[in-house]
Every structure is written in structure tokens, then in C-alpha cells.
Amino acid sequence: MFLLQPGFSDPAYPGDVFYCWHCALMEGLLASFPELAVRVAVHRIGWPRPRKELLSLLGPDNQSCPVLILADGTEDGLDIKHHGNIAFIDDKDAILRALSDRHGIPIPHP
């Protein structure tokens, strides 16, 4: 899983410092379920584009975070995208579903 490091600046908003709330949601999930952090490799990357860590895996059109790279194939019902042989999910809700389905953590309350 790739997450943005918090505390970044955006030139469009001078003087402000940000975090990605979708990535913060994933950080909270990892903190709540430490066993998940052991099973899922987490890479925290910088905000500025191009994000070289993602470019090499997913190409220039798929640099959004959070993104979950799937180690094994695909499953029905998940919003899985592909770049070459790499299967990935870049929608926060679909990532939450995939983590529950694949790693047995509880599902989010509606």
C-alpha cells in the first residue's frame, strides 16, 4: 500500500500544510489492526508529482494515493484496475473492502 506522508505543502495554497485524509484513514486502520500492518507492506511517499515510486509500477496516469497493489490476481466485486501485470485499487472504499475480504479485519459500519 502506498500512502502520502503527512505535512506536505501545495503551491496552490501558499502557507498551508496538509495531510491526505484518505491516507490518514488508512493510517488509522493500520493503527487499529496492527496485524494488518504486519501483512501489508506500507510505503509512505512524498506528495509532489511525479511520484517515481508509483510511476515505475503503475505508469503516469495512476499516481493517486492511497493505492493498494494486489499481490495475487483479482476478485469479483472489487474495483480493481490493471497496469500491465500489476493489479491495484486506488479508491478508498474499495481498499477498505479489499483489506476486510483479504485479511479478515472487520468491515466499516455503514
PDB file of N, CA and C in Angstrom:
ATOM      1  N   MET A   1       0.846  -1.161   0.000  1.00  0.00           N
ATOM      2  CA  MET A   1       0.000   0.000   0.000  1.00  0.00           C
ATOM      3  C   MET A   1       0.901   1.236   0.000  1.00  0.00           C
ATOM      4  N   PHE A   2       0.539   2.204  -0.800  1.00  0.00           N
ATOM      5  CA  PHE A   2       1.254   3.475  -0.845  1.00  0.00           C
ATOM      6  C   PHE A   2       0.375   4.555  -0.238  1.00  0.00           C
ATOM      7  N   LEU A   3       0.964   5.303   0.693  1.00  0.00           N
ATOM      8  CA  LEU A   3       0.284   6.406   1.382  1.00  0.00           C
ATOM      9  C   LEU A   3       1.143   7.652   1.268  1.00  0.00           C
ATOM     10  N   LEU A   4       0.495   8.809   1.280  1.00  0.00           N
ATOM     11  CA  LEU A   4       1.243  10.071   1.261  1.00  0.00           C
ATOM     12  C   LEU A   4       1.690  10.427   2.669  1.00  0.00           C
ATOM     13  N   GLN A   5       2.940  10.866   2.765  1.00  0.00           N
ATOM     14  CA  GLN A   5       3.451  11.348   4.045  1.00  0.00           C
ATOM     15  C   GLN A   5       2.713  12.628   4.409  1.00  0.00           C
ATOM     16  N   PRO A   6       2.242  12.744   5.634  1.00  0.00           N
ATOM     17  CA  PRO A   6       1.542  13.972   6.029  1.00  0.00           C
ATOM     18  C   PRO A   6       2.507  15.137   6.202  1.00  0.00           C
ATOM     19  N   GLY A   7       1.942  16.324   6.179  1.00  0.00           N
ATOM     20  CA  GLY A   7       2.740  17.533   6.384  1.00  0.00           C
ATOM     21  C   GLY A   7       3.327  18.073   5.095  1.00  0.00           C
ATOM     22  N   PHE A   8       2.578  17.996   4.005  1.00  0.00           N
ATOM     23  CA  PHE A   8       3.089  18.488   2.722  1.00  0.00           C
ATOM     24  C   PHE A   8       2.471  19.839   2.378  1.00  0.00           C
ATOM     25  N   SER A   9       3.153  20.541   1.502  1.00  0.00           N
ATOM     26  CA  SER A   9       2.683  21.839   1.012  1.00  0.00           C
ATOM     27  C   SER A   9       2.202  21.698  -0.419  1.00  0.00           C
ATOM     28  N   ASP A  10       1.261  22.552  -0.777  1.00  0.00           N
ATOM     29  CA  ASP A  10       0.739  22.605  -2.137  1.00  0.00           C
ATOM     30  C   ASP A  10       0.900  24.041  -2.602  1.00  0.00           C
ATOM     31  N   PRO A  11       1.669  24.272  -3.675  1.00  0.00           N
ATOM     32  CA  PRO A  11       1.884  25.639  -4.148  1.00  0.00           C
ATOM     33  C   PRO A  11       0.592  26.397  -4.440  1.00  0.00           C
ATOM     34  N   ALA A  12      -0.501  25.692  -4.689  1.00  0.00           N
ATOM     35  CA  ALA A  12      -1.783  26.349  -4.945  1.00  0.00           C
ATOM     36  C   ALA A  12      -2.360  26.980  -3.677  1.00  0.00           C
ATOM     37  N   TYR A  13      -1.843  26.585  -2.509  1.00  0.00           N
ATOM     38  CA  TYR A  13      -2.310  27.098  -1.222  1.00  0.00           C
ATOM     39  C   TYR A  13      -1.107  27.525  -0.383  1.00  0.00           C
ATOM     40  N   PRO A  14      -0.482  28.645  -0.735  1.00  0.00           N
ATOM     41  CA  PRO A  14       0.734  29.066  -0.047  1.00  0.00           C
ATOM     42  C   PRO A  14       0.524  29.226   1.466  1.00  0.00           C
ATOM     43  N   GLY A  15       1.486  28.721   2.217  1.00  0.00           N
ATOM     44  CA  GLY A  15       1.463  28.857   3.667  1.00  0.00           C
ATOM     45  C   GLY A  15       0.695  27.771   4.405  1.00  0.00           C
ATOM     46  N   ASP A  16      -0.064  26.957   3.696  1.00  0.00           N
ATOM     47  CA  ASP A  16      -0.819  25.884   4.341  1.00  0.00           C
ATOM     48  C   ASP A  16      -0.025  24.581   4.286  1.00  0.00           C
ATOM     49  N   VAL A  17      -0.245  23.741   5.290  1.00  0.00           N
ATOM     50  CA  VAL A  17       0.363  22.418   5.342  1.00  0.00           C
ATOM     51  C   VAL A  17      -0.772  21.411   5.439  1.00  0.00           C
ATOM     52  N   PHE A  18      -0.653  20.309   4.700  1.00  0.00           N
ATOM     53  CA  PHE A  18      -1.763  19.383   4.516  1.00  0.00           C
ATOM     54  C   PHE A  18      -1.417  17.951   4.892  1.00  0.00           C
ATOM     55  N   TYR A  19      -2.492  17.168   5.046  1.00  0.00           N
ATOM     56  CA  TYR A  19      -2.417  15.714   5.041  1.00  0.00           C
ATOM     57  C   TYR A  19      -3.511  15.232   4.102  1.00  0.00           C
ATOM     58  N   CYS A  20      -3.347  14.049   3.580  1.00  0.00           N
ATOM     59  CA  CYS A  20      -4.369  13.418   2.744  1.00  0.00           C
ATOM     60  C   CYS A  20      -5.307  12.664   3.676  1.00  0.00           C
ATOM     61  N   TRP A  21      -6.578  13.049   3.717  1.00  0.00           N
ATOM     62  CA  TRP A  21      -7.473  12.419   4.678  1.00  0.00           C
ATOM     63  C   TRP A  21      -7.783  10.969   4.311  1.00  0.00           C
ATOM     64  N   HIS A  22      -7.703  10.617   3.034  1.00  0.00           N
ATOM     65  CA  HIS A  22      -7.885   9.210   2.659  1.00  0.00           C
ATOM     66  C   HIS A  22      -6.711   8.372   3.171  1.00  0.00           C
ATOM     67  N   CYS A  23      -5.507   8.935   3.083  1.00  0.00           N
ATOM     68  CA  CYS A  23      -4.330   8.231   3.606  1.00  0.00           C
ATOM     69  C   CYS A  23      -4.376   8.171   5.131  1.00  0.00           C
ATOM     70  N   ALA A  24      -4.846   9.236   5.771  1.00  0.00           N
ATOM     71  CA  ALA A  24      -4.975   9.239   7.232  1.00  0.00           C
ATOM     72  C   ALA A  24      -5.976   8.176   7.682  1.00  0.00           C
ATOM     73  N   LEU A  25      -7.020   7.960   6.907  1.00  0.00           N
ATOM     74  CA  LEU A  25      -7.975   6.893   7.191  1.00  0.00           C
ATOM     75  C   LEU A  25      -7.268   5.539   7.191  1.00  0.00           C
ATOM     76  N   MET A  26      -6.415   5.297   6.209  1.00  0.00           N
ATOM     77  CA  MET A  26      -5.673   4.034   6.132  1.00  0.00           C
ATOM     78  C   MET A  26      -4.688   3.910   7.297  1.00  0.00           C
ATOM     79  N   GLU A  27      -4.064   5.025   7.669  1.00  0.00           N
ATOM     80  CA  GLU A  27      -3.144   5.012   8.818  1.00  0.00           C
ATOM     81  C   GLU A  27      -3.901   4.614  10.089  1.00  0.00           C
ATOM     82  N   GLY A  28      -5.112   5.143  10.248  1.00  0.00           N
ATOM     83  CA  GLY A  28      -5.927   4.786  11.403  1.00  0.00           C
ATOM     84  C   GLY A  28      -6.292   3.311  11.399  1.00  0.00           C
ATOM     85  N   LEU A  29      -6.585   2.774  10.238  1.00  0.00           N
ATOM     86  CA  LEU A  29      -6.895   1.349  10.115  1.00  0.00           C
ATOM     87  C   LEU A  29      -5.681   0.500  10.490  1.00  0.00           C
ATOM     88  N   LEU A  30      -4.511   0.899  10.013  1.00  0.00           N
ATOM     89  CA  LEU A  30      -3.280   0.174  10.347  1.00  0.00           C
ATOM     90  C   LEU A  30      -2.988   0.234  11.844  1.00  0.00           C
ATOM     91  N   ALA A  31      -3.263   1.373  12.459  1.00  0.00           N
ATOM     92  CA  ALA A  31      -3.045   1.503  13.904  1.00  0.00           C
ATOM     93  C   ALA A  31      -4.064   0.680  14.692  1.00  0.00           C
ATOM     94  N   SER A  32      -5.281   0.587  14.188  1.00  0.00           N
ATOM     95  CA  SER A  32      -6.342  -0.156  14.873  1.00  0.00           C
ATOM     96  C   SER A  32      -6.169  -1.666  14.756  1.00  0.00           C
ATOM     97  N   PHE A  33      -5.554  -2.097  13.682  1.00  0.00           N
ATOM     98  CA  PHE A  33      -5.356  -3.528  13.436  1.00  0.00           C
ATOM     99  C   PHE A  33      -3.880  -3.775  13.140  1.00  0.00           C
ATOM    100  N   PRO A  34      -3.041  -3.829  14.178  1.00  0.00           N
ATOM    101  CA  PRO A  34      -1.596  -3.972  13.980  1.00  0.00           C
ATOM    102  C   PRO A  34      -1.212  -5.208  13.164  1.00  0.00           C
ATOM    103  N   GLU A  35      -2.025  -6.262  13.239  1.00  0.00           N
ATOM    104  CA  GLU A  35      -1.727  -7.458  12.454  1.00  0.00           C
ATOM    105  C   GLU A  35      -1.789  -7.160  10.959  1.00  0.00           C
ATOM    106  N   LEU A  36      -2.581  -6.190  10.571  1.00  0.00           N
ATOM    107  CA  LEU A  36      -2.679  -5.789   9.180  1.00  0.00           C
ATOM    108  C   LEU A  36      -1.369  -5.144   8.722  1.00  0.00           C
ATOM    109  N   ALA A  37      -0.792  -4.330   9.578  1.00  0.00           N
ATOM    110  CA  ALA A  37       0.469  -3.663   9.246  1.00  0.00           C
ATOM    111  C   ALA A  37       1.600  -4.666   9.056  1.00  0.00           C
ATOM    112  N   VAL A  38       1.481  -5.827   9.684  1.00  0.00           N
ATOM    113  CA  VAL A  38       2.495  -6.867   9.521  1.00  0.00           C
ATOM    114  C   VAL A  38       2.325  -7.575   8.172  1.00  0.00           C
ATOM    115  N   ARG A  39       1.092  -7.702   7.704  1.00  0.00           N
ATOM    116  CA  ARG A  39       0.799  -8.453   6.474  1.00  0.00           C
ATOM    117  C   ARG A  39       0.824  -7.604   5.210  1.00  0.00           C
ATOM    118  N   VAL A  40       0.655  -6.304   5.355  1.00  0.00           N
ATOM    119  CA  VAL A  40       0.597  -5.405   4.195  1.00  0.00           C
ATOM    120  C   VAL A  40       1.812  -4.485   4.242  1.00  0.00           C
ATOM    121  N   ALA A  41       2.621  -4.533   3.204  1.00  0.00           N
ATOM    122  CA  ALA A  41       3.774  -3.624   3.119  1.00  0.00           C
ATOM    123  C   ALA A  41       3.252  -2.213   2.870  1.00  0.00           C
ATOM    124  N   VAL A  42       3.701  -1.270   3.692  1.00  0.00           N
ATOM    125  CA  VAL A  42       3.248   0.117   3.589  1.00  0.00           C
ATOM    126  C   VAL A  42       4.442   0.991   3.199  1.00  0.00           C
ATOM    127  N   HIS A  43       4.235   1.785   2.160  1.00  0.00           N
ATOM    128  CA  HIS A  43       5.257   2.716   1.678  1.00  0.00           C
ATOM    129  C   HIS A  43       4.685   4.119   1.776  1.00  0.00           C
ATOM    130  N   ARG A  44       5.354   4.968   2.525  1.00  0.00           N
ATOM    131  CA  ARG A  44       4.925   6.359   2.658  1.00  0.00           C
ATOM    132  C   ARG A  44       5.793   7.207   1.733  1.00  0.00           C
ATOM    133  N   ILE A  45       5.118   7.908   0.844  1.00  0.00           N
ATOM    134  CA  ILE A  45       5.840   8.654  -0.185  1.00  0.00           C
ATOM    135  C   ILE A  45       5.479  10.132  -0.124  1.00  0.00           C
ATOM    136  N   GLY A  46       6.302  10.940  -0.775  1.00  0.00           N
ATOM    137  CA  GLY A  46       6.077  12.380  -0.813  1.00  0.00           C
ATOM    138  C   GLY A  46       4.909  12.750  -1.721  1.00  0.00           C
ATOM    139  N   TRP A  47       4.343  13.913  -1.449  1.00  0.00           N
ATOM    140  CA  TRP A  47       3.186  14.393  -2.192  1.00  0.00           C
ATOM    141  C   TRP A  47       3.505  14.835  -3.624  1.00  0.00           C
ATOM    142  N   PRO A  48       4.619  15.524  -3.870  1.00  0.00           N
ATOM    143  CA  PRO A  48       4.811  16.093  -5.214  1.00  0.00           C
ATOM    144  C   PRO A  48       4.812  15.026  -6.316  1.00  0.00           C
ATOM    145  N   ARG A  49       4.244  15.414  -7.427  1.00  0.00           N
ATOM    146  CA  ARG A  49       4.296  14.579  -8.627  1.00  0.00           C
ATOM    147  C   ARG A  49       5.430  15.065  -9.503  1.00  0.00           C
ATOM    148  N   PRO A  50       6.022  14.213 -10.267  1.00  0.00           N
ATOM    149  CA  PRO A  50       5.720  12.793 -10.412  1.00  0.00           C
ATOM    150  C   PRO A  50       6.178  11.998  -9.186  1.00  0.00           C
ATOM    151  N   ARG A  51       5.395  11.005  -8.869  1.00  0.00           N
ATOM    152  CA  ARG A  51       5.702  10.108  -7.740  1.00  0.00           C
ATOM    153  C   ARG A  51       6.398   8.882  -8.314  1.00  0.00           C
ATOM    154  N   LYS A  52       7.731   8.945  -8.310  1.00  0.00           N
ATOM    155  CA  LYS A  52       8.534   7.933  -9.012  1.00  0.00           C
ATOM    156  C   LYS A  52       8.239   6.516  -8.553  1.00  0.00           C
ATOM    157  N   GLU A  53       7.891   6.341  -7.278  1.00  0.00           N
ATOM    158  CA  GLU A  53       7.597   5.007  -6.767  1.00  0.00           C
ATOM    159  C   GLU A  53       6.364   4.406  -7.461  1.00  0.00           C
ATOM    160  N   LEU A  54       5.412   5.262  -7.796  1.00  0.00           N
ATOM    161  CA  LEU A  54       4.211   4.793  -8.479  1.00  0.00           C
ATOM    162  C   LEU A  54       4.371   4.775  -9.992  1.00  0.00           C
ATOM    163  N   LEU A  55       5.139   5.702 -10.514  1.00  0.00           N
ATOM    164  CA  LEU A  55       5.375   5.730 -11.959  1.00  0.00           C
ATOM    165  C   LEU A  55       5.932   4.410 -12.449  1.00  0.00           C
ATOM    166  N   SER A  56       6.899   3.874 -11.731  1.00  0.00           N
ATOM    167  CA  SER A  56       7.556   2.646 -12.173  1.00  0.00           C
ATOM    168  C   SER A  56       6.613   1.440 -12.117  1.00  0.00           C
ATOM    169  N   LEU A  57       5.629   1.470 -11.229  1.00  0.00           N
ATOM    170  CA  LEU A  57       4.695   0.346 -11.096  1.00  0.00           C
ATOM    171  C   LEU A  57       3.425   0.521 -11.924  1.00  0.00           C
ATOM    172  N   LEU A  58       2.869   1.744 -11.889  1.00  0.00           N
ATOM    173  CA  LEU A  58       1.515   1.947 -12.405  1.00  0.00           C
ATOM    174  C   LEU A  58       1.416   2.927 -13.557  1.00  0.00           C
ATOM    175  N   GLY A  59       2.516   3.517 -13.971  1.00  0.00           N
ATOM    176  CA  GLY A  59       2.502   4.449 -15.086  1.00  0.00           C
ATOM    177  C   GLY A  59       2.084   5.852 -14.668  1.00  0.00           C
ATOM    178  N   PRO A  60       2.194   6.810 -15.573  1.00  0.00           N
ATOM    179  CA  PRO A  60       1.965   8.213 -15.244  1.00  0.00           C
ATOM    180  C   PRO A  60       0.518   8.578 -14.925  1.00  0.00           C
ATOM    181  N   ASP A  61      -0.437   7.776 -15.339  1.00  0.00           N
ATOM    182  CA  ASP A  61      -1.849   8.099 -15.117  1.00  0.00           C
ATOM    183  C   ASP A  61      -2.407   7.563 -13.808  1.00  0.00           C
ATOM    184  N   ASN A  62      -1.594   6.861 -13.040  1.00  0.00           N
ATOM    185  CA  ASN A  62      -2.083   6.205 -11.827  1.00  0.00           C
ATOM    186  C   ASN A  62      -1.191   6.544 -10.628  1.00  0.00           C
ATOM    187  N   GLN A  63      -1.163   7.813 -10.257  1.00  0.00           N
ATOM    188  CA  GLN A  63      -0.308   8.263  -9.162  1.00  0.00           C
ATOM    189  C   GLN A  63      -1.088   8.668  -7.914  1.00  0.00           C
ATOM    190  N   SER A  64      -2.366   8.342  -7.855  1.00  0.00           N
ATOM    191  CA  SER A  64      -3.182   8.720  -6.709  1.00  0.00           C
ATOM    192  C   SER A  64      -2.858   7.861  -5.494  1.00  0.00           C
ATOM    193  N   CYS A  65      -3.077   8.429  -4.326  1.00  0.00           N
ATOM    194  CA  CYS A  65      -2.912   7.709  -3.061  1.00  0.00           C
ATOM    195  C   CYS A  65      -4.155   7.943  -2.225  1.00  0.00           C
ATOM    196  N   PRO A  66      -4.531   6.976  -1.417  1.00  0.00           N
ATOM    197  CA  PRO A  66      -3.847   5.709  -1.213  1.00  0.00           C
ATOM    198  C   PRO A  66      -4.061   4.780  -2.401  1.00  0.00           C
ATOM    199  N   VAL A  67      -3.131   3.847  -2.546  1.00  0.00           N
ATOM    200  CA  VAL A  67      -3.259   2.816  -3.568  1.00  0.00           C
ATOM    201  C   VAL A  67      -2.769   1.508  -2.966  1.00  0.00           C
ATOM    202  N   LEU A  68      -3.530   0.462  -3.219  1.00  0.00           N
ATOM    203  CA  LEU A  68      -3.190  -0.868  -2.740  1.00  0.00           C
ATOM    204  C   LEU A  68      -2.811  -1.716  -3.944  1.00  0.00           C
ATOM    205  N   ILE A  69      -1.578  -2.192  -3.954  1.00  0.00           N
ATOM    206  CA  ILE A  69      -1.106  -3.093  -5.001  1.00  0.00           C
ATOM    207  C   ILE A  69      -1.473  -4.503  -4.556  1.00  0.00           C
ATOM    208  N   LEU A  70      -2.117  -5.255  -5.416  1.00  0.00           N
ATOM    209  CA  LEU A  70      -2.554  -6.599  -5.059  1.00  0.00           C
ATOM    210  C   LEU A  70      -1.489  -7.620  -5.432  1.00  0.00           C
ATOM    211  N   ALA A  71      -1.163  -8.455  -4.482  1.00  0.00           N
ATOM    212  CA  ALA A  71      -0.110  -9.444  -4.694  1.00  0.00           C
ATOM    213  C   ALA A  71      -0.581 -10.612  -5.546  1.00  0.00           C
ATOM    214  N   ASP A  72      -1.880 -10.899  -5.502  1.00  0.00           N
ATOM    215  CA  ASP A  72      -2.350 -12.087  -6.209  1.00  0.00           C
ATOM    216  C   ASP A  72      -3.679 -11.833  -6.900  1.00  0.00           C
ATOM    217  N   GLY A  73      -3.634 -11.783  -8.181  1.00  0.00           N
ATOM    218  CA  GLY A  73      -4.829 -11.776  -9.001  1.00  0.00           C
ATOM    219  C   GLY A  73      -5.906 -10.779  -8.650  1.00  0.00           C
ATOM    220  N   THR A  74      -7.120 -11.153  -9.017  1.00  0.00           N
ATOM    221  CA  THR A  74      -8.270 -10.286  -8.843  1.00  0.00           C
ATOM    222  C   THR A  74      -9.407 -11.055  -8.200  1.00  0.00           C
ATOM    223  N   GLU A  75     -10.382 -10.330  -7.719  1.00  0.00           N
ATOM    224  CA  GLU A  75     -11.578 -10.924  -7.137  1.00  0.00           C
ATOM    225  C   GLU A  75     -12.786 -10.167  -7.648  1.00  0.00           C
ATOM    226  N   ASP A  76     -13.893 -10.881  -7.814  1.00  0.00           N
ATOM    227  CA  ASP A  76     -15.134 -10.234  -8.230  1.00  0.00           C
ATOM    228  C   ASP A  76     -15.595  -9.248  -7.170  1.00  0.00           C
ATOM    229  N   GLY A  77     -16.220  -8.169  -7.602  1.00  0.00           N
ATOM    230  CA  GLY A  77     -16.807  -7.225  -6.676  1.00  0.00           C
ATOM    231  C   GLY A  77     -15.861  -6.130  -6.214  1.00  0.00           C
ATOM    232  N   LEU A  78     -14.605  -6.208  -6.555  1.00  0.00           N
ATOM    233  CA  LEU A  78     -13.666  -5.160  -6.163  1.00  0.00           C
ATOM    234  C   LEU A  78     -13.369  -4.273  -7.370  1.00  0.00           C
ATOM    235  N   ASP A  79     -13.113  -3.000  -7.094  1.00  0.00           N
ATOM    236  CA  ASP A  79     -12.809  -2.043  -8.161  1.00  0.00           C
ATOM    237  C   ASP A  79     -11.326  -2.125  -8.504  1.00  0.00           C
ATOM    238  N   ILE A  80     -10.946  -3.191  -9.172  1.00  0.00           N
ATOM    239  CA  ILE A  80      -9.543  -3.448  -9.473  1.00  0.00           C
ATOM    240  C   ILE A  80      -9.199  -2.882 -10.840  1.00  0.00           C
ATOM    241  N   LYS A  81      -8.065  -2.194 -10.885  1.00  0.00           N
ATOM    242  CA  LYS A  81      -7.521  -1.666 -12.129  1.00  0.00           C
ATOM    243  C   LYS A  81      -6.251  -2.446 -12.442  1.00  0.00           C
ATOM    244  N   HIS A  82      -5.792  -2.314 -13.672  1.00  0.00           N
ATOM    245  CA  HIS A  82      -4.569  -3.004 -14.074  1.00  0.00           C
ATOM    246  C   HIS A  82      -3.658  -2.063 -14.845  1.00  0.00           C
ATOM    247  N   HIS A  83      -2.383  -2.243 -14.627  1.00  0.00           N
ATOM    248  CA  HIS A  83      -1.348  -1.610 -15.439  1.00  0.00           C
ATOM    249  C   HIS A  83      -0.340  -2.711 -15.740  1.00  0.00           C
ATOM    250  N   GLY A  84      -0.351  -3.184 -16.974  1.00  0.00           N
ATOM    251  CA  GLY A  84       0.467  -4.351 -17.299  1.00  0.00           C
ATOM    252  C   GLY A  84       0.005  -5.536 -16.461  1.00  0.00           C
ATOM    253  N   ASN A  85       0.937  -6.162 -15.776  1.00  0.00           N
ATOM    254  CA  ASN A  85       0.621  -7.324 -14.929  1.00  0.00           C
ATOM    255  C   ASN A  85       0.274  -6.937 -13.503  1.00  0.00           C
ATOM    256  N   ILE A  86       0.249  -5.644 -13.193  1.00  0.00           N
ATOM    257  CA  ILE A  86       0.014  -5.174 -11.837  1.00  0.00           C
ATOM    258  C   ILE A  86      -1.475  -4.889 -11.647  1.00  0.00           C
ATOM    259  N   ALA A  87      -2.064  -5.528 -10.630  1.00  0.00           N
ATOM    260  CA  ALA A  87      -3.453  -5.254 -10.243  1.00  0.00           C
ATOM    261  C   ALA A  87      -3.413  -4.328  -9.034  1.00  0.00           C
ATOM    262  N   PHE A  88      -4.283  -3.301  -9.033  1.00  0.00           N
ATOM    263  CA  PHE A  88      -4.266  -2.338  -7.934  1.00  0.00           C
ATOM    264  C   PHE A  88      -5.644  -1.743  -7.719  1.00  0.00           C
ATOM    265  N   ILE A  89      -5.806  -1.155  -6.532  1.00  0.00           N
ATOM    266  CA  ILE A  89      -7.048  -0.465  -6.164  1.00  0.00           C
ATOM    267  C   ILE A  89      -6.654   0.920  -5.667  1.00  0.00           C
ATOM    268  N   ASP A  90      -7.292   1.969  -6.205  1.00  0.00           N
ATOM    269  CA  ASP A  90      -6.967   3.333  -5.773  1.00  0.00           C
ATOM    270  C   ASP A  90      -8.184   4.107  -5.272  1.00  0.00           C
ATOM    271  N   ASP A  91      -9.239   3.396  -4.927  1.00  0.00           N
ATOM    272  CA  ASP A  91     -10.431   4.001  -4.332  1.00  0.00           C
ATOM    273  C   ASP A  91     -10.463   3.622  -2.853  1.00  0.00           C
ATOM    274  N   LYS A  92     -10.598   4.602  -1.958  1.00  0.00           N
ATOM    275  CA  LYS A  92     -10.503   4.336  -0.521  1.00  0.00           C
ATOM    276  C   LYS A  92     -11.508   3.302  -0.048  1.00  0.00           C
ATOM    277  N   ASP A  93     -12.744   3.390  -0.518  1.00  0.00           N
ATOM    278  CA  ASP A  93     -13.766   2.443  -0.080  1.00  0.00           C
ATOM    279  C   ASP A  93     -13.473   1.029  -0.596  1.00  0.00           C
ATOM    280  N   ALA A  94     -13.001   0.928  -1.810  1.00  0.00           N
ATOM    281  CA  ALA A  94     -12.648  -0.378  -2.368  1.00  0.00           C
ATOM    282  C   ALA A  94     -11.431  -0.957  -1.650  1.00  0.00           C
ATOM    283  N   ILE A  95     -10.499  -0.099  -1.246  1.00  0.00           N
ATOM    284  CA  ILE A  95      -9.349  -0.572  -0.469  1.00  0.00           C
ATOM    285  C   ILE A  95      -9.821  -1.134   0.865  1.00  0.00           C
ATOM    286  N   LEU A  96     -10.731  -0.432   1.532  1.00  0.00           N
ATOM    287  CA  LEU A  96     -11.257  -0.916   2.813  1.00  0.00           C
ATOM    288  C   LEU A  96     -11.925  -2.277   2.637  1.00  0.00           C
ATOM    289  N   ARG A  97     -12.723  -2.435   1.576  1.00  0.00           N
ATOM    290  CA  ARG A  97     -13.376  -3.728   1.312  1.00  0.00           C
ATOM    291  C   ARG A  97     -12.348  -4.814   1.054  1.00  0.00           C
ATOM    292  N   ALA A  98     -11.337  -4.499   0.257  1.00  0.00           N
ATOM    293  CA  ALA A  98     -10.313  -5.493  -0.067  1.00  0.00           C
ATOM    294  C   ALA A  98      -9.540  -5.915   1.178  1.00  0.00           C
ATOM    295  N   LEU A  99      -9.223  -4.976   2.054  1.00  0.00           N
ATOM    296  CA  LEU A  99      -8.493  -5.327   3.276  1.00  0.00           C
ATOM    297  C   LEU A  99      -9.346  -6.209   4.177  1.00  0.00           C
ATOM    298  N   SER A 100     -10.635  -5.928   4.261  1.00  0.00           N
ATOM    299  CA  SER A 100     -11.532  -6.780   5.042  1.00  0.00           C
ATOM    300  C   SER A 100     -11.635  -8.168   4.415  1.00  0.00           C
ATOM    301  N   ASP A 101     -11.857  -8.221   3.123  1.00  0.00           N
ATOM    302  CA  ASP A 101     -12.017  -9.502   2.426  1.00  0.00           C
ATOM    303  C   ASP A 101     -10.746 -10.339   2.471  1.00  0.00           C
ATOM    304  N   ARG A 102      -9.622  -9.712   2.222  1.00  0.00           N
ATOM    305  CA  ARG A 102      -8.370 -10.451   2.088  1.00  0.00           C
ATOM    306  C   ARG A 102      -7.667 -10.727   3.415  1.00  0.00           C
ATOM    307  N   HIS A 103      -7.922  -9.878   4.410  1.00  0.00           N
ATOM    308  CA  HIS A 103      -7.149 -10.001   5.654  1.00  0.00           C
ATOM    309  C   HIS A 103      -8.002 -10.218   6.890  1.00  0.00           C
ATOM    310  N   GLY A 104      -9.303 -10.353   6.698  1.00  0.00           N
ATOM    311  CA  GLY A 104     -10.169 -10.746   7.798  1.00  0.00           C
ATOM    312  C   GLY A 104     -10.422  -9.714   8.871  1.00  0.00           C
ATOM    313  N   ILE A 105     -10.152  -8.437   8.585  1.00  0.00           N
ATOM    314  CA  ILE A 105     -10.489  -7.409   9.569  1.00  0.00           C
ATOM    315  C   ILE A 105     -11.973  -7.085   9.445  1.00  0.00           C
ATOM    316  N   PRO A 106     -12.564  -6.487  10.475  1.00  0.00           N
ATOM    317  CA  PRO A 106     -13.992  -6.134  10.385  1.00  0.00           C
ATOM    318  C   PRO A 106     -14.266  -5.173   9.241  1.00  0.00           C
ATOM    319  N   ILE A 107     -15.525  -5.126   8.839  1.00  0.00           N
ATOM    320  CA  ILE A 107     -15.926  -4.204   7.792  1.00  0.00           C
ATOM    321  C   ILE A 107     -16.338  -2.869   8.422  1.00  0.00           C
ATOM    322  N   PRO A 108     -16.267  -1.781   7.662  1.00  0.00           N
ATOM    323  CA  PRO A 108     -16.694  -0.493   8.185  1.00  0.00           C
ATOM    324  C   PRO A 108     -18.208  -0.484   8.456  1.00  0.00           C
ATOM    325  N   HIS A 109     -18.610   0.183   9.488  1.00  0.00           N
ATOM    326  CA  HIS A 109     -20.038   0.329   9.784  1.00  0.00           C
ATOM    327  C   HIS A 109     -20.637   1.297   8.764  1.00  0.00           C
ATOM    328  N   PRO A 110     -21.833   0.973   8.260  1.00  0.00           N
ATOM    329  CA  PRO A 110     -22.437   1.859   7.247  1.00  0.00           C
ATOM    330  C   PRO A 110     -22.802   3.166   7.780  1.00  0.00           C
TER     331      PRO A 110
END
